[in-house]
Protein backbone atom coordinates (compact mmCIF):
# COMPACT_ATOMS: atom_id res chain seq x y z
CA MET A 1 -0.02 0.03 -0.19
CA ILE A 2 1.44 3.49 -0.95
CA GLY A 3 0.09 6.61 1.13
CA ILE A 4 -0.80 10.07 -0.38
CA TYR A 5 -1.51 13.08 1.20
CA ASP A 6 -2.11 16.80 0.45
CA SER A 7 -4.26 19.47 2.60
CA GLY A 8 -7.20 18.46 0.79
CA LEU A 9 -8.21 18.05 -2.86
CA GLY A 10 -5.28 18.92 -4.82
CA GLY A 11 -3.42 15.98 -4.48
CA LEU A 12 -6.31 13.95 -6.20
CA SER A 13 -4.11 15.17 -9.48
CA VAL A 14 -1.58 12.96 -8.05
CA TRP A 15 -3.57 10.02 -7.20
CA ARG A 16 -5.14 9.88 -10.56
CA GLU A 17 -1.83 9.79 -12.41
CA LEU A 18 -0.70 7.03 -9.94
CA ARG A 19 -3.00 4.88 -10.21
CA GLN A 20 -2.30 4.45 -13.78
CA TYR A 21 1.07 3.37 -13.33
CA THR A 22 0.85 0.82 -10.03
CA SER A 23 -1.26 -1.76 -9.00
CA ALA A 24 -0.64 -0.91 -5.55
CA GLN A 25 -3.54 -0.30 -3.11
CA LEU A 26 -3.46 3.27 -2.57
CA LEU A 27 -4.55 5.34 0.58
CA TYR A 28 -5.51 8.91 0.04
CA PHE A 29 -5.50 11.59 2.97
CA GLY A 30 -6.81 14.81 2.70
CA ASP A 31 -6.14 17.05 5.57
CA THR A 32 -8.99 19.12 5.17
CA SER A 33 -9.36 20.62 8.67
CA HIS A 34 -6.08 22.47 7.85
CA VAL A 35 -6.56 23.66 4.39
CA PRO A 36 -4.90 25.41 2.77
CA TYR A 37 -1.19 24.53 3.68
CA GLY A 38 0.26 27.56 1.94
CA GLU A 39 -0.69 29.87 4.69
CA LYS A 40 1.01 27.57 7.70
CA SER A 41 4.36 27.52 9.20
CA PRO A 42 7.01 24.97 8.54
CA ALA A 43 6.76 23.78 12.04
CA GLN A 44 3.16 23.45 11.66
CA LEU A 45 3.67 21.49 8.53
CA GLU A 46 5.81 19.13 9.81
CA GLY A 47 3.38 18.16 12.65
CA TYR A 48 0.98 17.44 10.22
CA PHE A 49 3.38 15.26 8.21
CA TRP A 50 4.39 13.18 11.11
CA ASP A 51 0.93 12.73 12.04
CA ILE A 52 -0.37 11.56 8.74
CA VAL A 53 2.83 9.41 8.26
CA GLY A 54 1.90 7.59 11.57
CA PHE A 55 -1.56 6.85 10.22
CA PHE A 56 -0.18 5.55 7.07
CA LEU A 57 2.47 3.30 8.84
CA SER A 58 -0.44 2.10 11.01
CA GLN A 59 -2.40 1.36 7.96
CA GLY A 60 0.59 -0.85 6.44
CA CYS A 61 1.85 1.64 3.85
CA GLN A 62 5.31 0.86 2.50
CA GLY A 63 5.84 4.17 0.78
CA VAL A 64 4.56 8.19 1.11
CA VAL A 65 3.79 10.76 -1.37
CA VAL A 66 3.51 14.21 -0.57
CA ALA A 67 1.29 15.28 -3.02
CA CYS A 68 1.69 18.98 -1.75
CA ASN A 69 4.19 21.10 -3.27
CA THR A 70 4.42 23.53 0.26
CA SER A 71 5.25 20.31 2.54
CA SER A 72 7.55 19.13 -0.11
CA ALA A 73 9.44 22.49 -0.16
CA LEU A 74 9.10 23.06 3.55
CA VAL A 75 8.77 19.95 5.43
CA LEU A 76 10.91 17.15 3.25
CA PRO A 77 14.29 18.94 3.94
CA ARG A 78 13.52 18.75 7.88
CA VAL A 79 12.74 15.14 7.81
CA GLU A 80 15.27 13.68 5.39
CA GLY A 81 16.37 10.45 6.59
CA LYS A 82 13.92 9.86 9.71
CA VAL A 83 11.08 7.80 8.04
CA ARG A 84 11.45 4.31 7.78
CA VAL A 85 9.64 4.27 4.40
CA PRO A 86 10.37 5.83 0.78
CA VAL A 87 8.76 9.43 1.00
CA PHE A 88 8.36 11.00 -2.34
CA GLY A 89 8.06 14.87 -2.73
CA ILE A 90 7.14 16.54 -5.89
CA ILE A 91 9.40 19.24 -6.37
CA GLU A 92 12.35 17.05 -8.10
CA SER A 93 9.59 15.55 -10.56
CA ALA A 94 8.26 19.06 -11.38
CA VAL A 95 11.79 20.59 -12.33
CA ARG A 96 12.90 17.61 -14.46
CA ALA A 97 9.42 17.92 -16.50
CA THR A 98 9.62 21.42 -16.69
CA LEU A 99 13.13 21.29 -18.01
CA GLU A 100 12.30 18.63 -20.63
CA VAL A 101 9.81 21.31 -22.65
CA SER A 102 11.42 24.72 -21.74
CA ASN A 103 13.83 27.09 -23.60
CA GLY A 104 14.66 28.58 -20.36
CA ARG A 105 12.00 31.07 -19.30
CA ILE A 106 10.05 29.60 -16.68
CA GLY A 107 7.03 30.78 -14.77
CA VAL A 108 5.96 29.07 -11.56
CA LEU A 109 2.32 29.32 -10.07
CA ALA A 110 2.70 28.64 -6.63
CA THR A 111 1.24 28.89 -3.05
CA ARG A 112 2.74 31.53 -0.59
CA GLY A 113 4.48 28.85 1.19
CA THR A 114 5.84 27.61 -2.00
CA ALA A 115 7.00 30.85 -3.39
CA GLU A 116 8.50 32.19 -0.05
CA SER A 117 10.21 29.07 0.53
CA GLY A 118 12.83 29.54 -2.50
CA ALA A 119 12.40 25.85 -3.18
CA TYR A 120 11.68 26.22 -6.90
CA GLN A 121 14.29 29.08 -7.40
CA ARG A 122 17.02 26.88 -5.84
CA ALA A 123 16.04 23.53 -7.70
CA PHE A 124 16.10 25.11 -11.05
CA SER A 125 19.24 26.97 -10.59
CA GLN A 126 21.06 23.80 -9.37
CA ALA A 127 19.50 21.59 -12.35
CA SER A 128 19.82 24.49 -15.17
CA PRO A 129 21.85 27.88 -14.02
CA SER A 130 20.92 29.30 -17.25
CA ALA A 131 17.41 29.18 -16.81
CA GLN A 132 15.43 32.29 -15.42
CA VAL A 133 12.72 31.46 -13.23
CA PHE A 134 9.88 33.63 -12.35
CA VAL A 135 7.52 32.57 -9.55
CA GLU A 136 4.18 34.12 -8.54
CA SER A 137 2.23 33.62 -5.50
CA ALA A 138 -1.24 32.52 -6.03
CA PRO A 139 -3.04 32.30 -2.52
CA ARG A 140 -6.72 32.90 -3.92
CA LEU A 141 -6.54 29.64 -5.84
CA VAL A 142 -6.51 26.49 -3.39
CA PRO A 143 -9.79 27.56 -1.55
CA LEU A 144 -11.41 28.26 -5.05
CA VAL A 145 -10.55 24.74 -5.78
CA GLU A 146 -11.70 23.35 -2.44
CA GLN A 147 -15.12 24.85 -3.07
CA GLY A 148 -15.25 23.53 -6.61
CA GLN A 149 -15.35 26.68 -8.36
CA VAL A 150 -13.05 25.88 -11.12
CA LYS A 151 -14.62 27.41 -13.94
CA GLU A 152 -16.53 30.50 -12.41
CA GLN A 153 -15.77 33.95 -13.32
CA ILE A 154 -14.42 34.76 -9.99
CA THR A 155 -11.70 32.04 -10.64
CA ARG A 156 -10.83 33.27 -13.78
CA GLN A 157 -10.38 36.75 -12.92
CA ALA A 158 -7.85 35.61 -9.96
CA LEU A 159 -6.01 33.48 -12.65
CA ARG A 160 -5.72 36.42 -14.69
CA GLU A 161 -4.24 38.56 -12.13
CA TYR A 162 -1.50 35.94 -11.19
CA VAL A 163 -0.72 34.79 -14.80
CA GLU A 164 -0.40 38.28 -16.55
CA PRO A 165 2.99 39.03 -14.37
CA LEU A 166 4.40 35.92 -15.44
CA MET A 167 3.22 36.54 -19.20
CA ALA A 168 4.82 39.77 -19.18
CA GLN A 169 8.05 38.32 -18.22
CA GLY A 170 7.80 36.39 -21.64
CA ILE A 171 7.66 33.04 -20.13
CA ASP A 172 7.74 29.99 -22.66
CA THR A 173 6.59 27.28 -19.87
CA LEU A 174 4.26 27.68 -17.01
CA LEU A 175 4.83 25.13 -13.95
CA LEU A 176 1.87 24.38 -12.10
CA GLY A 177 3.76 24.47 -8.56
CA CYS A 178 0.42 23.38 -6.75
CA THR A 179 -1.30 20.24 -7.25
CA HIS A 180 -4.57 21.91 -6.94
CA TYR A 181 -3.84 23.93 -9.97
CA PRO A 182 -4.19 21.14 -12.95
CA PHE A 183 -8.01 21.38 -11.76
CA LEU A 184 -7.84 24.65 -13.56
CA GLN A 185 -5.31 24.11 -16.34
CA GLU A 186 -8.17 24.44 -19.17
CA THR A 187 -8.75 28.02 -17.73
CA ILE A 188 -4.92 28.54 -17.41
CA GLY A 189 -4.57 27.20 -21.05
CA GLU A 190 -6.74 29.88 -22.32
CA LEU A 191 -5.33 32.49 -20.54
CA VAL A 192 -1.64 31.95 -21.53
CA GLY A 193 -2.40 30.71 -25.17
CA GLU A 194 -0.79 27.82 -27.14
CA ASP A 195 2.60 29.27 -27.20
CA VAL A 196 3.18 28.55 -23.47
CA HIS A 197 3.89 24.93 -22.25
CA ILE A 198 1.65 24.14 -19.47
CA VAL A 199 3.54 21.62 -16.88
CA ASN A 200 1.41 19.39 -14.44
CA PRO A 201 4.44 17.57 -12.72
CA ALA A 202 2.08 14.75 -11.50
CA PRO A 203 2.78 12.16 -14.22
CA GLN A 204 6.35 12.70 -13.49
CA LEU A 205 5.88 11.92 -9.80
CA ALA A 206 3.93 9.10 -10.70
CA VAL A 207 6.60 7.48 -12.93
CA GLN A 208 9.23 8.09 -10.05
CA VAL A 209 7.22 6.28 -7.66
CA ALA A 210 6.35 3.48 -9.61
CA GLU A 211 10.00 2.96 -10.38
CA VAL A 212 10.89 2.36 -7.04
CA PHE A 213 8.20 -0.11 -6.48
CA PRO A 214 8.70 -2.19 -9.64
CA ASN A 215 6.77 -5.38 -8.39
CA LEU A 216 4.00 -2.95 -8.34
CA VAL A 217 3.96 -1.80 -11.92
CA LYS A 218 1.06 -2.14 -13.60
CA GLY A 219 1.04 -5.28 -15.74
CA ASN A 220 3.63 -7.01 -13.22
CA GLU A 221 0.88 -7.48 -10.49
CA LYS A 222 -0.07 -11.13 -9.26
CA GLU A 223 -3.36 -9.93 -8.26
CA PRO A 224 -5.61 -6.99 -9.27
CA SER A 225 -5.27 -3.73 -7.92
CA LYS A 226 -7.83 -3.02 -4.73
CA GLU A 227 -9.98 0.04 -4.63
CA THR A 228 -8.21 3.15 -2.98
CA GLN A 229 -9.22 4.06 0.53
CA PHE A 230 -10.09 7.88 0.97
CA TRP A 231 -9.65 9.69 4.52
CA VAL A 232 -9.95 13.33 5.58
CA SER A 233 -9.36 15.44 8.85
CA GLY A 234 -12.36 17.22 7.98
CA ASP A 235 -15.91 16.71 6.91
CA PRO A 236 -16.21 13.67 4.73
CA HIS A 237 -19.34 14.37 2.80
CA THR A 238 -18.25 17.76 1.72
CA PHE A 239 -14.67 16.21 0.57
CA LYS A 240 -16.32 13.35 -1.66
CA THR A 241 -18.69 15.69 -3.08
CA THR A 242 -16.32 18.01 -4.26
CA ALA A 243 -14.19 15.45 -5.31
CA GLU A 244 -16.34 13.85 -7.53
CA LEU A 245 -17.25 17.29 -9.18
CA LEU A 246 -13.49 17.62 -10.10
CA LEU A 247 -12.75 14.19 -11.06
CA GLN A 248 -16.28 13.37 -12.80
CA GLU A 249 -16.20 9.98 -11.24
CA ARG A 250 -17.93 8.57 -8.14
CA LEU A 251 -15.67 7.79 -5.29
CA PRO A 252 -16.19 5.08 -2.47
CA ALA A 253 -16.88 6.25 1.11
CA VAL A 254 -14.52 8.72 2.58
CA GLY A 255 -13.39 7.85 6.23
CA PHE A 256 -12.58 10.18 9.15
CA HIS A 257 -9.06 10.54 11.04
CA HIS A 258 -8.92 12.59 13.90
CA MET A 259 -5.52 14.37 14.01
CA ALA A 260 -3.92 14.40 17.19
CA GLY A 261 -3.49 17.37 19.22
CA GLU A 262 -6.76 18.80 17.39
CA LYS A 263 -9.98 19.98 18.92
CA ILE A 264 -13.11 17.87 17.86
């Protein structure tokens, strides 16, 4: 079993890719009582990480996918080497996927936490020193996706405000630096036009995870994969309803996990 977590619905953009590559049973956890992560401190995010990892390990997970750019940027450097199972972040996959298509002028749309961490600026500088990287903080987008407002005018207007400064820099590639943003990709595409590559790093991350568990790669399995388990720290009904709207498919029942130290 592989555990996947995010602050809420965004990590489902990673889940829907990962299930295409692995036959492992997947356990998805949306920490909806703490969404959005982009406004939380590194110490808070690390606390959530350990609580969720403890839950995953209690369920028998053999790997953890941090399907959140903010946690990947702020938490993983703090916990490196401290977890007894493989832990996968999204920053490395995102940089690799972007450099495969970019000509060197890269825009990154991200949460405030990710933007201010400097994680993408550093990662691109190390991987491709000549690349020019422009990062735009977009704090209004995660709440809009969590509300299922992916096509509404208010969302288009927010996206326009965040994308225009990047377009003014002459970017040739736009990295979706938050796992919530692929659910806005259609509108983003309309705003940036066909000449700008839009990079959703989820497929690259899914391949990376599958490579570490070759015996669980689709086609190598001895048994059919089992249905994903879905859990949240907030209201299961709200999560299920909005997730089904975003994914355009039915989900099984969603469970509730009480986060340690939180008020009920």
